[in-house]
C-alpha atoms as a PDB file:
ATOM      1  CA  MET A   1     -48.784 142.198 206.796  1.00  0.00           C
ATOM      2  CA  LYS A   2     -45.389 142.481 205.176  1.00  0.00           C
ATOM      3  CA  LEU A   3     -44.973 142.412 201.425  1.00  0.00           C
ATOM      4  CA  LEU A   4     -42.200 140.904 199.331  1.00  0.00           C
ATOM      5  CA  PHE A   5     -41.966 142.856 196.078  1.00  0.00           C
ATOM      6  CA  ASP A   6     -41.136 140.757 193.040  1.00  0.00           C
ATOM      7  CA  ALA A   7     -38.293 141.624 190.652  1.00  0.00           C
ATOM      8  CA  ASN A   8     -40.739 143.204 188.201  1.00  0.00           C
ATOM      9  CA  LEU A   9     -41.609 145.925 190.750  1.00  0.00           C
ATOM     10  CA  ALA A  10     -39.403 148.845 191.753  1.00  0.00           C
ATOM     11  CA  PRO A  11     -37.239 148.234 194.832  1.00  0.00           C
ATOM     12  CA  ARG A  12     -38.198 151.677 196.182  1.00  0.00           C
ATOM     13  CA  LEU A  13     -41.758 150.441 196.814  1.00  0.00           C
ATOM     14  CA  ALA A  14     -40.663 148.656 199.985  1.00  0.00           C
ATOM     15  CA  LYS A  15     -39.259 151.909 201.367  1.00  0.00           C
ATOM     16  CA  ARG A  16     -42.219 154.004 200.258  1.00  0.00           C
ATOM     17  CA  LEU A  17     -44.732 151.659 201.861  1.00  0.00           C
ATOM     18  CA  ALA A  18     -42.682 150.907 204.992  1.00  0.00           C
ATOM     19  CA  GLU A  19     -44.997 152.889 207.255  1.00  0.00           C
ATOM     20  CA  LEU A  20     -48.087 151.001 206.092  1.00  0.00           C
ATOM     21  CA  TYR A  21     -46.385 147.626 205.694  1.00  0.00           C
ATOM     22  CA  PRO A  22     -43.469 147.383 208.140  1.00  0.00           C
ATOM     23  CA  GLY A  23     -40.956 144.680 207.330  1.00  0.00           C
ATOM     24  CA  SER A  24     -41.673 144.743 203.601  1.00  0.00           C
ATOM     25  CA  ALA A  25     -38.757 144.083 201.278  1.00  0.00           C
ATOM     26  CA  HIS A  26     -37.741 143.606 197.653  1.00  0.00           C
ATOM     27  CA  VAL A  27     -36.427 140.286 196.329  1.00  0.00           C
ATOM     28  CA  ARG A  28     -33.191 142.076 195.394  1.00  0.00           C
ATOM     29  CA  GLU A  29     -32.393 142.518 199.101  1.00  0.00           C
ATOM     30  CA  PHE A  30     -32.150 138.740 199.488  1.00  0.00           C
ATOM     31  CA  ALA A  31     -30.613 137.893 196.086  1.00  0.00           C
ATOM     32  CA  LEU A  32     -33.680 135.835 195.147  1.00  0.00           C
ATOM     33  CA  GLN A  33     -33.550 135.096 191.439  1.00  0.00           C
ATOM     34  CA  ASP A  34     -36.071 132.496 190.349  1.00  0.00           C
ATOM     35  CA  ASP A  35     -39.739 132.081 191.115  1.00  0.00           C
ATOM     36  CA  ARG A  36     -39.346 128.975 193.233  1.00  0.00           C
ATOM     37  CA  MET A  37     -36.723 130.646 195.454  1.00  0.00           C
ATOM     38  CA  ILE A  38     -38.993 133.677 195.846  1.00  0.00           C
ATOM     39  CA  TRP A  39     -42.073 131.604 196.734  1.00  0.00           C
ATOM     40  CA  ASP A  40     -40.182 129.429 199.210  1.00  0.00           C
ATOM     41  CA  PHE A  41     -38.594 132.451 200.860  1.00  0.00           C
ATOM     42  CA  ALA A  42     -41.940 134.263 201.097  1.00  0.00           C
ATOM     43  CA  ALA A  43     -43.648 131.244 202.640  1.00  0.00           C
ATOM     44  CA  LYS A  44     -40.880 130.581 205.174  1.00  0.00           C
ATOM     45  CA  ASN A  45     -40.635 134.231 206.208  1.00  0.00           C
ATOM     46  CA  ASN A  46     -44.336 135.171 206.352  1.00  0.00           C
ATOM     47  CA  PHE A  47     -44.319 137.525 203.366  1.00  0.00           C
ATOM     48  CA  GLU A  48     -47.205 138.177 201.002  1.00  0.00           C
ATOM     49  CA  LEU A  49     -45.895 138.330 197.440  1.00  0.00           C
ATOM     50  CA  ALA A  50     -46.545 141.496 195.413  1.00  0.00           C
ATOM     51  CA  THR A  51     -45.987 141.158 191.657  1.00  0.00           C
ATOM     52  CA  ARG A  52     -46.905 142.656 188.306  1.00  0.00           C
ATOM     53  CA  ALA A  53     -46.871 139.264 186.623  1.00  0.00           C
ATOM     54  CA  GLN A  54     -49.814 138.979 184.282  1.00  0.00           C
ATOM     55  CA  GLU A  55     -50.455 135.385 185.247  1.00  0.00           C
ATOM     56  CA  PRO A  56     -48.759 134.372 188.479  1.00  0.00           C
ATOM     57  CA  SER A  57     -48.074 130.691 188.810  1.00  0.00           C
ATOM     58  CA  PRO A  58     -51.010 128.674 190.119  1.00  0.00           C
ATOM     59  CA  ASN A  59     -48.609 127.454 192.811  1.00  0.00           C
ATOM     60  CA  SER A  60     -47.936 130.954 194.125  1.00  0.00           C
ATOM     61  CA  LEU A  61     -51.097 131.039 196.240  1.00  0.00           C
ATOM     62  CA  LEU A  62     -50.371 127.592 197.573  1.00  0.00           C
ATOM     63  CA  LEU A  63     -46.766 128.391 198.404  1.00  0.00           C
ATOM     64  CA  THR A  64     -47.054 131.886 199.848  1.00  0.00           C
ATOM     65  CA  GLY A  65     -50.609 132.088 201.112  1.00  0.00           C
ATOM     66  CA  SER A  66     -51.562 135.055 198.993  1.00  0.00           C
ATOM     67  CA  ILE A  67     -50.330 137.164 196.139  1.00  0.00           C
ATOM     68  CA  TRP A  68     -50.986 140.736 195.004  1.00  0.00           C
ATOM     69  CA  THR A  69     -50.928 141.373 191.277  1.00  0.00           C
ATOM     70  CA  SER A  70     -51.026 144.530 189.197  1.00  0.00           C
ATOM     71  CA  SER A  71     -54.757 144.020 188.703  1.00  0.00           C
ATOM     72  CA  MET A  72     -55.296 144.003 192.483  1.00  0.00           C
ATOM     73  CA  PRO A  73     -54.333 147.329 194.065  1.00  0.00           C
ATOM     74  CA  ILE A  74     -52.357 147.125 197.274  1.00  0.00           C
ATOM     75  CA  PRO A  75     -54.628 148.265 200.099  1.00  0.00           C
ATOM     76  CA  THR A  76     -53.848 151.674 201.548  1.00  0.00           C
ATOM     77  CA  ARG A  77     -54.483 150.434 205.066  1.00  0.00           C
ATOM     78  CA  PRO A  78     -53.098 147.257 206.620  1.00  0.00           C
ATOM     79  CA  CYS A  79     -55.665 144.556 207.223  1.00  0.00           C
END
């Protein structure tokens, strides 16, 4: 599983978790600015979206397959 870290998360997370989640990236790396761009990019590139948004859009699950929020800790082992 590779994670795409939303703009509200630190870009260094992708580097720190690279061993557990190879291929993970931050939206800043792709100049993704709005939610729709982020969701479309995640869906097309097989990313799971990681965000701290309090209430992610209801469409985020539909568009990306799954979403990690601040209330759901990122697993320490890949699934």
